[in-house]
């Protein structure tokens, strides 16, 4: 986890306006973020810091779930074991098998919508 302002610092020199970039990602709910102790925290797994971008598989999964989960639920979805992924958390599986994580997200979106 990294604070939003610290993430902006990590992106400095890679994007023109790092704080604005991070703020835009958060406001548009393009990334997983949680409020904690008056700070916004973001899990680092979702970023490719070398390219200063959100990792494409993560962005795709977030877009599947953002309409049915609030920020805390979305963060928990990535962190908790998922039965559809063999009781492995999405964050542990997304690099090795992004398609399976996307399928799990689609199933869980369907379930959440009822």
PDB file of N, CA and C in Angstrom:
ATOM      1  N   UNK A   1       0.844  -1.176   0.000  1.00  0.00           N
ATOM      2  CA  UNK A   1       0.000   0.000   0.000  1.00  0.00           C
ATOM      3  C   UNK A   1       0.892   1.242   0.000  1.00  0.00           C
ATOM      4  N   UNK A   2       0.420   2.231  -0.707  1.00  0.00           N
ATOM      5  CA  UNK A   2       1.157   3.488  -0.785  1.00  0.00           C
ATOM      6  C   UNK A   2       0.139   4.629  -0.711  1.00  0.00           C
ATOM      7  N   UNK A   3       0.494   5.688  -0.025  1.00  0.00           N
ATOM      8  CA  UNK A   3      -0.359   6.873   0.029  1.00  0.00           C
ATOM      9  C   UNK A   3      -0.368   7.538  -1.341  1.00  0.00           C
ATOM     10  N   UNK A   4      -1.482   8.177  -1.664  1.00  0.00           N
ATOM     11  CA  UNK A   4      -1.635   8.804  -2.978  1.00  0.00           C
ATOM     12  C   UNK A   4      -0.519   9.802  -3.263  1.00  0.00           C
ATOM     13  N   UNK A   5      -0.162  10.630  -2.287  1.00  0.00           N
ATOM     14  CA  UNK A   5       0.900  11.614  -2.526  1.00  0.00           C
ATOM     15  C   UNK A   5       2.261  10.943  -2.698  1.00  0.00           C
ATOM     16  N   UNK A   6       2.481   9.816  -2.019  1.00  0.00           N
ATOM     17  CA  UNK A   6       3.730   9.077  -2.205  1.00  0.00           C
ATOM     18  C   UNK A   6       3.783   8.419  -3.585  1.00  0.00           C
ATOM     19  N   UNK A   7       2.630   7.927  -4.052  1.00  0.00           N
ATOM     20  CA  UNK A   7       2.577   7.366  -5.405  1.00  0.00           C
ATOM     21  C   UNK A   7       2.902   8.445  -6.434  1.00  0.00           C
ATOM     22  N   UNK A   8       2.349   9.632  -6.226  1.00  0.00           N
ATOM     23  CA  UNK A   8       2.662  10.742  -7.129  1.00  0.00           C
ATOM     24  C   UNK A   8       4.168  10.993  -7.145  1.00  0.00           C
ATOM     25  N   UNK A   9       4.799  10.892  -5.991  1.00  0.00           N
ATOM     26  CA  UNK A   9       6.251  11.056  -5.923  1.00  0.00           C
ATOM     27  C   UNK A   9       6.989   9.997  -6.719  1.00  0.00           C
ATOM     28  N   UNK A  10       6.479   8.759  -6.669  1.00  0.00           N
ATOM     29  CA  UNK A  10       7.096   7.675  -7.444  1.00  0.00           C
ATOM     30  C   UNK A  10       6.943   7.885  -8.951  1.00  0.00           C
ATOM     31  N   UNK A  11       5.897   8.598  -9.330  1.00  0.00           N
ATOM     32  CA  UNK A  11       5.638   8.840 -10.755  1.00  0.00           C
ATOM     33  C   UNK A  11       6.335  10.092 -11.283  1.00  0.00           C
ATOM     34  N   UNK A  12       6.884  10.895 -10.366  1.00  0.00           N
ATOM     35  CA  UNK A  12       7.550  12.128 -10.772  1.00  0.00           C
ATOM     36  C   UNK A  12       8.660  11.812 -11.768  1.00  0.00           C
ATOM     37  N   UNK A  13       8.713  12.582 -12.837  1.00  0.00           N
ATOM     38  CA  UNK A  13       9.708  12.362 -13.877  1.00  0.00           C
ATOM     39  C   UNK A  13       9.244  11.371 -14.935  1.00  0.00           C
ATOM     40  N   UNK A  14       8.141  10.674 -14.661  1.00  0.00           N
ATOM     41  CA  UNK A  14       7.600   9.704 -15.632  1.00  0.00           C
ATOM     42  C   UNK A  14       6.331  10.230 -16.312  1.00  0.00           C
ATOM     43  N   UNK A  15       5.603  11.091 -15.596  1.00  0.00           N
ATOM     44  CA  UNK A  15       4.412  11.742 -16.152  1.00  0.00           C
ATOM     45  C   UNK A  15       4.521  13.236 -15.868  1.00  0.00           C
ATOM     46  N   UNK A  16       3.832  14.013 -16.671  1.00  0.00           N
ATOM     47  CA  UNK A  16       3.954  15.462 -16.555  1.00  0.00           C
ATOM     48  C   UNK A  16       3.394  16.014 -15.252  1.00  0.00           C
ATOM     49  N   UNK A  17       2.222  15.558 -14.844  1.00  0.00           N
ATOM     50  CA  UNK A  17       1.610  16.042 -13.613  1.00  0.00           C
ATOM     51  C   UNK A  17       1.206  14.836 -12.761  1.00  0.00           C
ATOM     52  N   UNK A  18       2.132  14.298 -11.998  1.00  0.00           N
ATOM     53  CA  UNK A  18       1.868  13.052 -11.285  1.00  0.00           C
ATOM     54  C   UNK A  18       0.728  13.136 -10.278  1.00  0.00           C
ATOM     55  N   UNK A  19       0.624  14.214  -9.528  1.00  0.00           N
ATOM     56  CA  UNK A  19      -0.454  14.313  -8.543  1.00  0.00           C
ATOM     57  C   UNK A  19      -1.816  14.363  -9.232  1.00  0.00           C
ATOM     58  N   UNK A  20      -1.906  15.088 -10.323  1.00  0.00           N
ATOM     59  CA  UNK A  20      -3.154  15.146 -11.090  1.00  0.00           C
ATOM     60  C   UNK A  20      -3.496  13.784 -11.690  1.00  0.00           C
ATOM     61  N   UNK A  21      -2.489  13.064 -12.140  1.00  0.00           N
ATOM     62  CA  UNK A  21      -2.701  11.736 -12.713  1.00  0.00           C
ATOM     63  C   UNK A  21      -3.276  10.796 -11.666  1.00  0.00           C
ATOM     64  N   UNK A  22      -2.667  10.767 -10.490  1.00  0.00           N
ATOM     65  CA  UNK A  22      -3.142   9.895  -9.411  1.00  0.00           C
ATOM     66  C   UNK A  22      -4.551  10.310  -8.987  1.00  0.00           C
ATOM     67  N   UNK A  23      -4.787  11.602  -8.848  1.00  0.00           N
ATOM     68  CA  UNK A  23      -6.117  12.091  -8.453  1.00  0.00           C
ATOM     69  C   UNK A  23      -7.171  11.691  -9.484  1.00  0.00           C
ATOM     70  N   UNK A  24      -6.832  11.799 -10.763  1.00  0.00           N
ATOM     71  CA  UNK A  24      -7.784  11.429 -11.821  1.00  0.00           C
ATOM     72  C   UNK A  24      -8.124   9.944 -11.741  1.00  0.00           C
ATOM     73  N   UNK A  25      -7.099   9.092 -11.537  1.00  0.00           N
ATOM     74  CA  UNK A  25      -7.343   7.654 -11.403  1.00  0.00           C
ATOM     75  C   UNK A  25      -8.299   7.362 -10.251  1.00  0.00           C
ATOM     76  N   UNK A  26      -8.092   8.055  -9.131  1.00  0.00           N
ATOM     77  CA  UNK A  26      -8.911   7.808  -7.943  1.00  0.00           C
ATOM     78  C   UNK A  26     -10.336   8.291  -8.160  1.00  0.00           C
ATOM     79  N   UNK A  27     -10.494   9.519  -8.612  1.00  0.00           N
ATOM     80  CA  UNK A  27     -11.830  10.100  -8.804  1.00  0.00           C
ATOM     81  C   UNK A  27     -12.634   9.313  -9.834  1.00  0.00           C
ATOM     82  N   UNK A  28     -11.985   8.876 -10.904  1.00  0.00           N
ATOM     83  CA  UNK A  28     -12.673   8.115 -11.949  1.00  0.00           C
ATOM     84  C   UNK A  28     -12.871   6.655 -11.553  1.00  0.00           C
ATOM     85  N   UNK A  29     -12.347   6.265 -10.394  1.00  0.00           N
ATOM     86  CA  UNK A  29     -12.416   4.884  -9.893  1.00  0.00           C
ATOM     87  C   UNK A  29     -11.816   3.901 -10.902  1.00  0.00           C
ATOM     88  N   UNK A  30     -10.689   4.298 -11.461  1.00  0.00           N
ATOM     89  CA  UNK A  30      -9.945   3.437 -12.383  1.00  0.00           C
ATOM     90  C   UNK A  30      -8.961   2.543 -11.640  1.00  0.00           C
ATOM     91  N   UNK A  31      -8.800   2.806 -10.346  1.00  0.00           N
ATOM     92  CA  UNK A  31      -7.860   2.060  -9.517  1.00  0.00           C
ATOM     93  C   UNK A  31      -8.527   1.690  -8.197  1.00  0.00           C
ATOM     94  N   UNK A  32      -7.904   0.748  -7.512  1.00  0.00           N
ATOM     95  CA  UNK A  32      -8.344   0.371  -6.175  1.00  0.00           C
ATOM     96  C   UNK A  32      -7.723   1.369  -5.200  1.00  0.00           C
ATOM     97  N   UNK A  33      -8.573   1.986  -4.391  1.00  0.00           N
ATOM     98  CA  UNK A  33      -8.073   2.903  -3.369  1.00  0.00           C
ATOM     99  C   UNK A  33      -8.981   2.810  -2.151  1.00  0.00           C
ATOM    100  N   UNK A  34      -8.408   3.073  -0.994  1.00  0.00           N
ATOM    101  CA  UNK A  34      -9.185   3.065   0.243  1.00  0.00           C
ATOM    102  C   UNK A  34      -8.779   4.257   1.093  1.00  0.00           C
ATOM    103  N   UNK A  35      -9.746   4.797   1.796  1.00  0.00           N
ATOM    104  CA  UNK A  35      -9.469   5.875   2.738  1.00  0.00           C
ATOM    105  C   UNK A  35      -9.112   5.246   4.079  1.00  0.00           C
ATOM    106  N   UNK A  36      -8.033   5.741   4.674  1.00  0.00           N
ATOM    107  CA  UNK A  36      -7.604   5.235   5.975  1.00  0.00           C
ATOM    108  C   UNK A  36      -6.867   6.337   6.708  1.00  0.00           C
ATOM    109  N   UNK A  37      -7.369   6.682   7.894  1.00  0.00           N
ATOM    110  CA  UNK A  37      -6.752   7.717   8.728  1.00  0.00           C
ATOM    111  C   UNK A  37      -6.494   9.000   7.943  1.00  0.00           C
ATOM    112  N   UNK A  38      -7.523   9.472   7.277  1.00  0.00           N
ATOM    113  CA  UNK A  38      -7.493  10.731   6.530  1.00  0.00           C
ATOM    114  C   UNK A  38      -6.501  10.715   5.360  1.00  0.00           C
ATOM    115  N   UNK A  39      -6.151   9.519   4.906  1.00  0.00           N
ATOM    116  CA  UNK A  39      -5.270   9.390   3.742  1.00  0.00           C
ATOM    117  C   UNK A  39      -5.909   8.438   2.754  1.00  0.00           C
ATOM    118  N   UNK A  40      -5.568   8.598   1.503  1.00  0.00           N
ATOM    119  CA  UNK A  40      -5.993   7.661   0.480  1.00  0.00           C
ATOM    120  C   UNK A  40      -4.827   6.745   0.183  1.00  0.00           C
ATOM    121  N   UNK A  41      -5.081   5.439   0.332  1.00  0.00           N
ATOM    122  CA  UNK A  41      -4.047   4.436   0.100  1.00  0.00           C
ATOM    123  C   UNK A  41      -4.385   3.621  -1.141  1.00  0.00           C
ATOM    124  N   UNK A  42      -3.360   3.240  -1.858  1.00  0.00           N
ATOM    125  CA  UNK A  42      -3.528   2.456  -3.074  1.00  0.00           C
ATOM    126  C   UNK A  42      -2.585   1.257  -3.033  1.00  0.00           C
ATOM    127  N   UNK A  43      -3.079   0.060  -3.330  1.00  0.00           N
ATOM    128  CA  UNK A  43      -2.197  -1.104  -3.409  1.00  0.00           C
ATOM    129  C   UNK A  43      -1.271  -0.974  -4.617  1.00  0.00           C
ATOM    130  N   UNK A  44       0.004  -1.214  -4.397  1.00  0.00           N
ATOM    131  CA  UNK A  44       0.995  -1.049  -5.465  1.00  0.00           C
ATOM    132  C   UNK A  44       0.895  -2.095  -6.566  1.00  0.00           C
ATOM    133  N   UNK A  45       0.292  -3.256  -6.298  1.00  0.00           N
ATOM    134  CA  UNK A  45       0.249  -4.314  -7.312  1.00  0.00           C
ATOM    135  C   UNK A  45      -0.392  -3.860  -8.616  1.00  0.00           C
ATOM    136  N   UNK A  46      -1.210  -2.833  -8.555  1.00  0.00           N
ATOM    137  CA  UNK A  46      -1.980  -2.429  -9.733  1.00  0.00           C
ATOM    138  C   UNK A  46      -1.229  -1.490 -10.673  1.00  0.00           C
ATOM    139  N   UNK A  47      -0.018  -1.121 -10.308  1.00  0.00           N
ATOM    140  CA  UNK A  47       0.725  -0.155 -11.112  1.00  0.00           C
ATOM    141  C   UNK A  47       1.975  -0.755 -11.733  1.00  0.00           C
ATOM    142  N   UNK A  48       2.262  -0.309 -12.942  1.00  0.00           N
ATOM    143  CA  UNK A  48       3.550  -0.552 -13.583  1.00  0.00           C
ATOM    144  C   UNK A  48       4.285   0.776 -13.450  1.00  0.00           C
ATOM    145  N   UNK A  49       5.122   0.878 -12.448  1.00  0.00           N
ATOM    146  CA  UNK A  49       5.778   2.152 -12.169  1.00  0.00           C
ATOM    147  C   UNK A  49       6.755   2.556 -13.268  1.00  0.00           C
ATOM    148  N   UNK A  50       7.342   1.597 -13.946  1.00  0.00           N
ATOM    149  CA  UNK A  50       8.282   1.921 -15.022  1.00  0.00           C
ATOM    150  C   UNK A  50       7.595   2.684 -16.150  1.00  0.00           C
ATOM    151  N   UNK A  51       6.371   2.291 -16.464  1.00  0.00           N
ATOM    152  CA  UNK A  51       5.644   2.980 -17.536  1.00  0.00           C
ATOM    153  C   UNK A  51       4.676   4.035 -16.994  1.00  0.00           C
ATOM    154  N   UNK A  52       4.565   4.118 -15.662  1.00  0.00           N
ATOM    155  CA  UNK A  52       3.669   5.086 -15.004  1.00  0.00           C
ATOM    156  C   UNK A  52       2.222   4.887 -15.442  1.00  0.00           C
ATOM    157  N   UNK A  53       1.818   3.617 -15.495  1.00  0.00           N
ATOM    158  CA  UNK A  53       0.452   3.278 -15.901  1.00  0.00           C
ATOM    159  C   UNK A  53      -0.156   2.267 -14.944  1.00  0.00           C
ATOM    160  N   UNK A  54      -1.477   2.217 -14.997  1.00  0.00           N
ATOM    161  CA  UNK A  54      -2.194   1.156 -14.309  1.00  0.00           C
ATOM    162  C   UNK A  54      -2.029  -0.100 -15.158  1.00  0.00           C
ATOM    163  N   UNK A  55      -1.711  -1.221 -14.525  1.00  0.00           N
ATOM    164  CA  UNK A  55      -1.544  -2.476 -15.265  1.00  0.00           C
ATOM    165  C   UNK A  55      -2.869  -2.814 -15.953  1.00  0.00           C
ATOM    166  N   UNK A  56      -2.819  -3.126 -17.223  1.00  0.00           N
ATOM    167  CA  UNK A  56      -4.019  -3.361 -18.034  1.00  0.00           C
ATOM    168  C   UNK A  56      -4.941  -4.433 -17.453  1.00  0.00           C
ATOM    169  N   UNK A  57      -4.436  -5.585 -17.010  1.00  0.00           N
ATOM    170  CA  UNK A  57      -5.362  -6.584 -16.451  1.00  0.00           C
ATOM    171  C   UNK A  57      -6.105  -6.074 -15.223  1.00  0.00           C
ATOM    172  N   UNK A  58      -5.426  -5.289 -14.405  1.00  0.00           N
ATOM    173  CA  UNK A  58      -6.068  -4.735 -13.213  1.00  0.00           C
ATOM    174  C   UNK A  58      -7.146  -3.738 -13.626  1.00  0.00           C
ATOM    175  N   UNK A  59      -6.839  -2.876 -14.567  1.00  0.00           N
ATOM    176  CA  UNK A  59      -7.817  -1.885 -15.029  1.00  0.00           C
ATOM    177  C   UNK A  59      -9.071  -2.560 -15.569  1.00  0.00           C
ATOM    178  N   UNK A  60      -8.885  -3.645 -16.297  1.00  0.00           N
ATOM    179  CA  UNK A  60     -10.025  -4.374 -16.859  1.00  0.00           C
ATOM    180  C   UNK A  60     -10.897  -4.963 -15.751  1.00  0.00           C
ATOM    181  N   UNK A  61     -10.273  -5.563 -14.759  1.00  0.00           N
ATOM    182  CA  UNK A  61     -11.022  -6.163 -13.654  1.00  0.00           C
ATOM    183  C   UNK A  61     -11.717  -5.076 -12.835  1.00  0.00           C
ATOM    184  N   UNK A  62     -11.019  -3.998 -12.543  1.00  0.00           N
ATOM    185  CA  UNK A  62     -11.631  -2.903 -11.787  1.00  0.00           C
ATOM    186  C   UNK A  62     -12.858  -2.389 -12.525  1.00  0.00           C
ATOM    187  N   UNK A  63     -12.768  -2.230 -13.834  1.00  0.00           N
ATOM    188  CA  UNK A  63     -13.922  -1.723 -14.592  1.00  0.00           C
ATOM    189  C   UNK A  63     -15.114  -2.675 -14.534  1.00  0.00           C
ATOM    190  N   UNK A  64     -14.861  -3.964 -14.356  1.00  0.00           N
ATOM    191  CA  UNK A  64     -15.954  -4.936 -14.212  1.00  0.00           C
ATOM    192  C   UNK A  64     -16.675  -4.781 -12.879  1.00  0.00           C
ATOM    193  N   UNK A  65     -15.944  -4.397 -11.851  1.00  0.00           N
ATOM    194  CA  UNK A  65     -16.491  -4.440 -10.489  1.00  0.00           C
ATOM    195  C   UNK A  65     -16.863  -3.082  -9.895  1.00  0.00           C
ATOM    196  N   UNK A  66     -16.395  -2.015 -10.482  1.00  0.00           N
ATOM    197  CA  UNK A  66     -16.540  -0.698  -9.876  1.00  0.00           C
ATOM    198  C   UNK A  66     -18.001  -0.270  -9.708  1.00  0.00           C
ATOM    199  N   UNK A  67     -18.891  -0.770 -10.545  1.00  0.00           N
ATOM    200  CA  UNK A  67     -20.303  -0.388 -10.434  1.00  0.00           C
ATOM    201  C   UNK A  67     -21.070  -1.159  -9.371  1.00  0.00           C
ATOM    202  N   UNK A  68     -20.494  -2.258  -8.877  1.00  0.00           N
ATOM    203  CA  UNK A  68     -21.214  -3.073  -7.898  1.00  0.00           C
ATOM    204  C   UNK A  68     -20.554  -3.098  -6.521  1.00  0.00           C
ATOM    205  N   UNK A  69     -19.303  -2.662  -6.421  1.00  0.00           N
ATOM    206  CA  UNK A  69     -18.597  -2.658  -5.140  1.00  0.00           C
ATOM    207  C   UNK A  69     -18.141  -1.248  -4.796  1.00  0.00           C
ATOM    208  N   UNK A  70     -18.209  -0.907  -3.509  1.00  0.00           N
ATOM    209  CA  UNK A  70     -17.608   0.361  -3.090  1.00  0.00           C
ATOM    210  C   UNK A  70     -16.098   0.158  -2.969  1.00  0.00           C
ATOM    211  N   UNK A  71     -15.385   1.198  -2.599  1.00  0.00           N
ATOM    212  CA  UNK A  71     -13.924   1.128  -2.587  1.00  0.00           C
ATOM    213  C   UNK A  71     -13.396   0.035  -1.657  1.00  0.00           C
ATOM    214  N   UNK A  72     -13.946  -0.046  -0.458  1.00  0.00           N
ATOM    215  CA  UNK A  72     -13.502  -1.062   0.493  1.00  0.00           C
ATOM    216  C   UNK A  72     -13.804  -2.467   0.013  1.00  0.00           C
ATOM    217  N   UNK A  73     -14.989  -2.662  -0.544  1.00  0.00           N
ATOM    218  CA  UNK A  73     -15.357  -3.986  -1.069  1.00  0.00           C
ATOM    219  C   UNK A  73     -14.455  -4.387  -2.236  1.00  0.00           C
ATOM    220  N   UNK A  74     -14.123  -3.429  -3.069  1.00  0.00           N
ATOM    221  CA  UNK A  74     -13.248  -3.706  -4.206  1.00  0.00           C
ATOM    222  C   UNK A  74     -11.851  -4.119  -3.731  1.00  0.00           C
ATOM    223  N   UNK A  75     -11.336  -3.409  -2.750  1.00  0.00           N
ATOM    224  CA  UNK A  75     -10.021  -3.759  -2.198  1.00  0.00           C
ATOM    225  C   UNK A  75     -10.053  -5.154  -1.573  1.00  0.00           C
ATOM    226  N   UNK A  76     -11.121  -5.446  -0.826  1.00  0.00           N
ATOM    227  CA  UNK A  76     -11.242  -6.780  -0.222  1.00  0.00           C
ATOM    228  C   UNK A  76     -11.371  -7.859  -1.293  1.00  0.00           C
ATOM    229  N   UNK A  77     -12.091  -7.567  -2.371  1.00  0.00           N
ATOM    230  CA  UNK A  77     -12.260  -8.557  -3.437  1.00  0.00           C
ATOM    231  C   UNK A  77     -10.896  -8.988  -3.976  1.00  0.00           C
ATOM    232  N   UNK A  78     -10.007  -8.048  -4.184  1.00  0.00           N
ATOM    233  CA  UNK A  78      -8.683  -8.383  -4.687  1.00  0.00           C
ATOM    234  C   UNK A  78      -7.849  -9.131  -3.648  1.00  0.00           C
ATOM    235  N   UNK A  79      -8.043  -8.839  -2.373  1.00  0.00           N
ATOM    236  CA  UNK A  79      -7.164  -9.375  -1.324  1.00  0.00           C
ATOM    237  C   UNK A  79      -7.601 -10.723  -0.767  1.00  0.00           C
ATOM    238  N   UNK A  80      -8.894 -11.011  -0.786  1.00  0.00           N
ATOM    239  CA  UNK A  80      -9.393 -12.232  -0.146  1.00  0.00           C
ATOM    240  C   UNK A  80      -9.384 -13.415  -1.107  1.00  0.00           C
ATOM    241  N   UNK A  81      -9.184 -14.620  -0.562  1.00  0.00           N
ATOM    242  CA  UNK A  81      -9.259 -15.819  -1.415  1.00  0.00           C
ATOM    243  C   UNK A  81     -10.611 -15.885  -2.129  1.00  0.00           C
ATOM    244  N   UNK A  82     -10.572 -16.311  -3.369  1.00  0.00           N
ATOM    245  CA  UNK A  82     -11.783 -16.382  -4.182  1.00  0.00           C
ATOM    246  C   UNK A  82     -11.993 -17.836  -4.608  1.00  0.00           C
ATOM    247  N   UNK A  83     -13.157 -18.384  -4.298  1.00  0.00           N
ATOM    248  CA  UNK A  83     -13.446 -19.779  -4.613  1.00  0.00           C
ATOM    249  C   UNK A  83     -13.322 -20.052  -6.111  1.00  0.00           C
ATOM    250  N   UNK A  84     -13.659 -19.076  -6.937  1.00  0.00           N
ATOM    251  CA  UNK A  84     -13.571 -19.249  -8.390  1.00  0.00           C
ATOM    252  C   UNK A  84     -12.130 -19.305  -8.884  1.00  0.00           C
ATOM    253  N   UNK A  85     -11.197 -18.940  -8.023  1.00  0.00           N
ATOM    254  CA  UNK A  85      -9.776 -18.975  -8.367  1.00  0.00           C
ATOM    255  C   UNK A  85      -9.044 -20.033  -7.542  1.00  0.00           C
ATOM    256  N   UNK A  86      -9.784 -21.038  -7.086  1.00  0.00           N
ATOM    257  CA  UNK A  86      -9.168 -22.104  -6.297  1.00  0.00           C
ATOM    258  C   UNK A  86      -8.739 -21.637  -4.924  1.00  0.00           C
ATOM    259  N   UNK A  87      -9.501 -20.703  -4.348  1.00  0.00           N
ATOM    260  CA  UNK A  87      -9.213 -20.123  -3.030  1.00  0.00           C
ATOM    261  C   UNK A  87      -7.883 -19.376  -2.974  1.00  0.00           C
ATOM    262  N   UNK A  88      -7.488 -18.837  -4.110  1.00  0.00           N
ATOM    263  CA  UNK A  88      -6.332 -17.948  -4.191  1.00  0.00           C
ATOM    264  C   UNK A  88      -6.880 -16.534  -4.408  1.00  0.00           C
ATOM    265  N   UNK A  89      -6.241 -15.551  -3.827  1.00  0.00           N
ATOM    266  CA  UNK A  89      -6.729 -14.183  -3.989  1.00  0.00           C
ATOM    267  C   UNK A  89      -6.463 -13.686  -5.408  1.00  0.00           C
ATOM    268  N   UNK A  90      -7.329 -12.821  -5.911  1.00  0.00           N
ATOM    269  CA  UNK A  90      -7.101 -12.248  -7.240  1.00  0.00           C
ATOM    270  C   UNK A  90      -5.748 -11.548  -7.376  1.00  0.00           C
ATOM    271  N   UNK A  91      -5.314 -10.876  -6.332  1.00  0.00           N
ATOM    272  CA  UNK A  91      -4.022 -10.183  -6.413  1.00  0.00           C
ATOM    273  C   UNK A  91      -2.882 -11.183  -6.606  1.00  0.00           C
ATOM    274  N   UNK A  92      -2.999 -12.373  -6.052  1.00  0.00           N
ATOM    275  CA  UNK A  92      -1.963 -13.387  -6.225  1.00  0.00           C
ATOM    276  C   UNK A  92      -2.038 -14.053  -7.594  1.00  0.00           C
ATOM    277  N   UNK A  93      -3.195 -14.014  -8.214  1.00  0.00           N
ATOM    278  CA  UNK A  93      -3.409 -14.760  -9.459  1.00  0.00           C
ATOM    279  C   UNK A  93      -3.350 -13.906 -10.716  1.00  0.00           C
ATOM    280  N   UNK A  94      -3.519 -12.596 -10.573  1.00  0.00           N
ATOM    281  CA  UNK A  94      -3.722 -11.752 -11.750  1.00  0.00           C
ATOM    282  C   UNK A  94      -2.517 -11.736 -12.698  1.00  0.00           C
ATOM    283  N   UNK A  95      -1.322 -11.816 -12.194  1.00  0.00           N
ATOM    284  CA  UNK A  95      -0.151 -11.813 -13.087  1.00  0.00           C
ATOM    285  C   UNK A  95      -0.051 -13.104 -13.879  1.00  0.00           C
ATOM    286  N   UNK A  96      -0.324 -14.219 -13.221  1.00  0.00           N
ATOM    287  CA  UNK A  96      -0.183 -15.527 -13.869  1.00  0.00           C
ATOM    288  C   UNK A  96      -1.358 -15.868 -14.769  1.00  0.00           C
ATOM    289  N   UNK A  97      -2.555 -15.425 -14.397  1.00  0.00           N
ATOM    290  CA  UNK A  97      -3.740 -15.816 -15.157  1.00  0.00           C
ATOM    291  C   UNK A  97      -4.796 -14.704 -15.128  1.00  0.00           C
ATOM    292  N   UNK A  98      -4.532 -13.604 -15.829  1.00  0.00           N
ATOM    293  CA  UNK A  98      -5.481 -12.492 -15.811  1.00  0.00           C
ATOM    294  C   UNK A  98      -6.861 -12.868 -16.346  1.00  0.00           C
ATOM    295  N   UNK A  99      -6.929 -13.804 -17.268  1.00  0.00           N
ATOM    296  CA  UNK A  99      -8.221 -14.225 -17.809  1.00  0.00           C
ATOM    297  C   UNK A  99      -9.097 -14.883 -16.755  1.00  0.00           C
ATOM    298  N   UNK A 100      -8.500 -15.689 -15.901  1.00  0.00           N
ATOM    299  CA  UNK A 100      -9.257 -16.337 -14.826  1.00  0.00           C
ATOM    300  C   UNK A 100      -9.752 -15.306 -13.826  1.00  0.00           C
ATOM    301  N   UNK A 101      -8.935 -14.307 -13.528  1.00  0.00           N
ATOM    302  CA  UNK A 101      -9.346 -13.262 -12.588  1.00  0.00           C
ATOM    303  C   UNK A 101     -10.480 -12.441 -13.196  1.00  0.00           C
ATOM    304  N   UNK A 102     -10.399 -12.143 -14.474  1.00  0.00           N
ATOM    305  CA  UNK A 102     -11.478 -11.417 -15.135  1.00  0.00           C
ATOM    306  C   UNK A 102     -12.759 -12.236 -15.128  1.00  0.00           C
ATOM    307  N   UNK A 103     -12.667 -13.524 -15.381  1.00  0.00           N
ATOM    308  CA  UNK A 103     -13.857 -14.386 -15.340  1.00  0.00           C
ATOM    309  C   UNK A 103     -14.467 -14.402 -13.938  1.00  0.00           C
ATOM    310  N   UNK A 104     -13.635 -14.464 -12.914  1.00  0.00           N
ATOM    311  CA  UNK A 104     -14.125 -14.434 -11.531  1.00  0.00           C
ATOM    312  C   UNK A 104     -14.803 -13.095 -11.242  1.00  0.00           C
ATOM    313  N   UNK A 105     -14.215 -12.007 -11.727  1.00  0.00           N
ATOM    314  CA  UNK A 105     -14.810 -10.681 -11.528  1.00  0.00           C
ATOM    315  C   UNK A 105     -16.178 -10.594 -12.201  1.00  0.00           C
ATOM    316  N   UNK A 106     -16.282 -11.118 -13.410  1.00  0.00           N
ATOM    317  CA  UNK A 106     -17.563 -11.093 -14.120  1.00  0.00           C
ATOM    318  C   UNK A 106     -18.619 -11.917 -13.383  1.00  0.00           C
ATOM    319  N   UNK A 107     -18.225 -13.068 -12.870  1.00  0.00           N
ATOM    320  CA  UNK A 107     -19.160 -13.900 -12.105  1.00  0.00           C
ATOM    321  C   UNK A 107     -19.591 -13.185 -10.829  1.00  0.00           C
ATOM    322  N   UNK A 108     -18.640 -12.598 -10.134  1.00  0.00           N
ATOM    323  CA  UNK A 108     -18.981 -11.911  -8.890  1.00  0.00           C
ATOM    324  C   UNK A 108     -19.806 -10.640  -9.148  1.00  0.00           C
ATOM    325  N   UNK A 109     -19.577  -9.974 -10.266  1.00  0.00           N
ATOM    326  CA  UNK A 109     -20.413  -8.824 -10.637  1.00  0.00           C
ATOM    327  C   UNK A 109     -21.851  -9.292 -10.867  1.00  0.00           C
ATOM    328  N   UNK A 110     -22.003 -10.394 -11.571  1.00  0.00           N
ATOM    329  CA  UNK A 110     -23.328 -10.945 -11.841  1.00  0.00           C
ATOM    330  C   UNK A 110     -24.039 -11.300 -10.522  1.00  0.00           C
ATOM    331  N   UNK A 111     -23.313 -11.936  -9.612  1.00  0.00           N
ATOM    332  CA  UNK A 111     -23.880 -12.292  -8.316  1.00  0.00           C
ATOM    333  C   UNK A 111     -24.251 -11.050  -7.513  1.00  0.00           C
ATOM    334  N   UNK A 112     -23.377 -10.038  -7.520  1.00  0.00           N
ATOM    335  CA  UNK A 112     -23.638  -8.825  -6.752  1.00  0.00           C
ATOM    336  C   UNK A 112     -24.843  -8.058  -7.280  1.00  0.00           C
ATOM    337  N   UNK A 113     -25.054  -8.116  -8.562  1.00  0.00           N
ATOM    338  CA  UNK A 113     -26.221  -7.417  -9.142  1.00  0.00           C
ATOM    339  C   UNK A 113     -27.529  -8.150  -8.883  1.00  0.00           C
ATOM    340  N   UNK A 114     -27.416  -9.446  -8.591  1.00  0.00           N
ATOM    341  CA  UNK A 114     -28.608 -10.224  -8.271  1.00  0.00           C
ATOM    342  C   UNK A 114     -29.368 -10.688  -9.406  1.00  0.00           C
TER     343      UNK A 114
END
